[in-house]
Amino acid sequence: MDSRANDSIATARAFATYSLVPYLGILFCPGAIMLGSIGMIRAHRNPQSVNRNSAATSLITGILVLAAQIVLWWILYKAPEWAREI
């Protein structure tokens, strides 16, 4: 496996980790998704790849955390409206 695949998977893992920060993590989700996809493609091209699971984990984490971040931002946007109704 070439070092470019390892670098993209390691960077995707870092993006996925940073995406776990509430609210600010939404900035890192697209990077985790994009680099996780690139890592999956590069790992798929090399059958001896041992980092395929790491790339898949980064990709799935990026997608799930993006969905959670969108819900958190929506709650932050709607909370003042809900407070006025009470």
C-alpha atoms as a PDB file:
ATOM      1  CA  MET A   1       0.000   0.000   0.000  1.00  0.00           C
ATOM      2  CA  ASP A   2       1.405   3.353  -0.919  1.00  0.00           C
ATOM      3  CA  SER A   3       1.916   6.130   1.591  1.00  0.00           C
ATOM      4  CA  ARG A   4      -0.746   8.329  -0.058  1.00  0.00           C
ATOM      5  CA  ALA A   5      -3.460   5.869   0.960  1.00  0.00           C
ATOM      6  CA  ASN A   6      -2.098   5.710   4.497  1.00  0.00           C
ATOM      7  CA  ASP A   7      -1.944   9.506   4.663  1.00  0.00           C
ATOM      8  CA  SER A   8      -5.512   9.981   3.447  1.00  0.00           C
ATOM      9  CA  ILE A   9      -6.825   7.346   5.876  1.00  0.00           C
ATOM     10  CA  ALA A  10      -4.930   8.873   8.799  1.00  0.00           C
ATOM     11  CA  THR A  11      -6.201  12.335   7.890  1.00  0.00           C
ATOM     12  CA  ALA A  12      -9.753  10.988   7.516  1.00  0.00           C
ATOM     13  CA  ARG A  13      -9.449   9.451  10.981  1.00  0.00           C
ATOM     14  CA  ALA A  14      -8.304  12.814  12.387  1.00  0.00           C
ATOM     15  CA  PHE A  15     -11.196  14.625  10.682  1.00  0.00           C
ATOM     16  CA  ALA A  16     -13.647  12.041  12.065  1.00  0.00           C
ATOM     17  CA  THR A  17     -12.238  12.534  15.556  1.00  0.00           C
ATOM     18  CA  TYR A  18     -12.418  16.328  15.366  1.00  0.00           C
ATOM     19  CA  SER A  19     -15.951  16.124  13.998  1.00  0.00           C
ATOM     20  CA  LEU A  20     -17.106  14.809  17.379  1.00  0.00           C
ATOM     21  CA  VAL A  21     -16.781  18.298  18.908  1.00  0.00           C
ATOM     22  CA  PRO A  22     -20.333  19.561  19.437  1.00  0.00           C
ATOM     23  CA  TYR A  23     -21.409  22.303  17.005  1.00  0.00           C
ATOM     24  CA  LEU A  24     -17.905  23.111  15.696  1.00  0.00           C
ATOM     25  CA  GLY A  25     -17.440  19.538  14.522  1.00  0.00           C
ATOM     26  CA  ILE A  26     -19.690  20.211  11.544  1.00  0.00           C
ATOM     27  CA  LEU A  27     -16.697  21.908   9.933  1.00  0.00           C
ATOM     28  CA  PHE A  28     -14.751  18.630   9.960  1.00  0.00           C
ATOM     29  CA  CYS A  29     -17.513  16.261   8.788  1.00  0.00           C
ATOM     30  CA  PRO A  30     -17.097  16.961   5.046  1.00  0.00           C
ATOM     31  CA  GLY A  31     -13.360  16.302   5.330  1.00  0.00           C
ATOM     32  CA  ALA A  32     -13.976  12.994   7.108  1.00  0.00           C
ATOM     33  CA  ILE A  33     -16.477  11.961   4.458  1.00  0.00           C
ATOM     34  CA  MET A  34     -14.333  13.049   1.522  1.00  0.00           C
ATOM     35  CA  LEU A  35     -11.045  11.598   2.778  1.00  0.00           C
ATOM     36  CA  GLY A  36     -12.754   8.446   4.048  1.00  0.00           C
ATOM     37  CA  SER A  37     -14.133   7.941   0.539  1.00  0.00           C
ATOM     38  CA  ILE A  38     -10.726   8.522  -1.013  1.00  0.00           C
ATOM     39  CA  GLY A  39      -9.185   6.100   1.480  1.00  0.00           C
ATOM     40  CA  MET A  40     -11.836   3.488   0.658  1.00  0.00           C
ATOM     41  CA  ILE A  41     -11.159   3.846  -3.071  1.00  0.00           C
ATOM     42  CA  ARG A  42      -7.409   3.554  -2.607  1.00  0.00           C
ATOM     43  CA  ALA A  43      -7.787   0.630  -0.197  1.00  0.00           C
ATOM     44  CA  HIS A  44     -10.163  -1.112  -2.616  1.00  0.00           C
ATOM     45  CA  ARG A  45      -7.594  -0.846  -5.406  1.00  0.00           C
ATOM     46  CA  ASN A  46      -5.045  -2.640  -3.235  1.00  0.00           C
ATOM     47  CA  PRO A  47      -6.323  -6.087  -2.129  1.00  0.00           C
ATOM     48  CA  GLN A  48      -3.640  -6.379   0.570  1.00  0.00           C
ATOM     49  CA  SER A  49      -4.895  -3.250   2.290  1.00  0.00           C
ATOM     50  CA  VAL A  50      -5.197  -3.548   6.045  1.00  0.00           C
ATOM     51  CA  ASN A  51      -6.614  -0.023   6.469  1.00  0.00           C
ATOM     52  CA  ARG A  52      -9.899  -0.590   4.643  1.00  0.00           C
ATOM     53  CA  ASN A  53     -11.789  -0.885   7.942  1.00  0.00           C
ATOM     54  CA  SER A  54     -10.236   2.330   9.206  1.00  0.00           C
ATOM     55  CA  ALA A  55     -11.290   4.185   6.079  1.00  0.00           C
ATOM     56  CA  ALA A  56     -14.805   2.757   6.300  1.00  0.00           C
ATOM     57  CA  THR A  57     -15.045   3.699   9.965  1.00  0.00           C
ATOM     58  CA  SER A  58     -13.976   7.275   9.199  1.00  0.00           C
ATOM     59  CA  LEU A  59     -16.501   7.510   6.368  1.00  0.00           C
ATOM     60  CA  ILE A  60     -19.384   6.134   8.423  1.00  0.00           C
ATOM     61  CA  THR A  61     -18.446   8.250  11.447  1.00  0.00           C
ATOM     62  CA  GLY A  62     -18.350  11.359   9.281  1.00  0.00           C
ATOM     63  CA  ILE A  63     -21.815  10.655   7.878  1.00  0.00           C
ATOM     64  CA  LEU A  64     -23.389   9.830  11.256  1.00  0.00           C
ATOM     65  CA  VAL A  65     -21.812  12.767  13.039  1.00  0.00           C
ATOM     66  CA  LEU A  66     -22.848  15.110  10.205  1.00  0.00           C
ATOM     67  CA  ALA A  67     -26.461  14.002  10.703  1.00  0.00           C
ATOM     68  CA  ALA A  68     -26.161  14.539  14.472  1.00  0.00           C
ATOM     69  CA  GLN A  69     -24.525  17.949  13.981  1.00  0.00           C
ATOM     70  CA  ILE A  70     -27.322  19.046  11.651  1.00  0.00           C
ATOM     71  CA  VAL A  71     -29.873  18.072  14.310  1.00  0.00           C
ATOM     72  CA  LEU A  72     -27.898  19.978  16.970  1.00  0.00           C
ATOM     73  CA  TRP A  73     -27.737  23.094  14.803  1.00  0.00           C
ATOM     74  CA  TRP A  74     -31.469  22.819  14.079  1.00  0.00           C
ATOM     75  CA  ILE A  75     -32.198  22.597  17.825  1.00  0.00           C
ATOM     76  CA  LEU A  76     -29.979  25.624  18.430  1.00  0.00           C
ATOM     77  CA  TYR A  77     -31.904  27.538  15.765  1.00  0.00           C
ATOM     78  CA  LYS A  78     -35.354  26.492  17.026  1.00  0.00           C
ATOM     79  CA  ALA A  79     -34.719  26.840  20.798  1.00  0.00           C
ATOM     80  CA  PRO A  80     -35.544  30.585  20.930  1.00  0.00           C
ATOM     81  CA  GLU A  81     -38.887  29.922  19.205  1.00  0.00           C
ATOM     82  CA  TRP A  82     -39.689  27.144  21.631  1.00  0.00           C
ATOM     83  CA  ALA A  83     -38.749  29.370  24.580  1.00  0.00           C
ATOM     84  CA  ARG A  84     -41.156  32.089  23.383  1.00  0.00           C
ATOM     85  CA  GLU A  85     -44.021  29.604  23.197  1.00  0.00           C
ATOM     86  CA  ILE A  86     -43.704  28.652  26.849  1.00  0.00           C
END
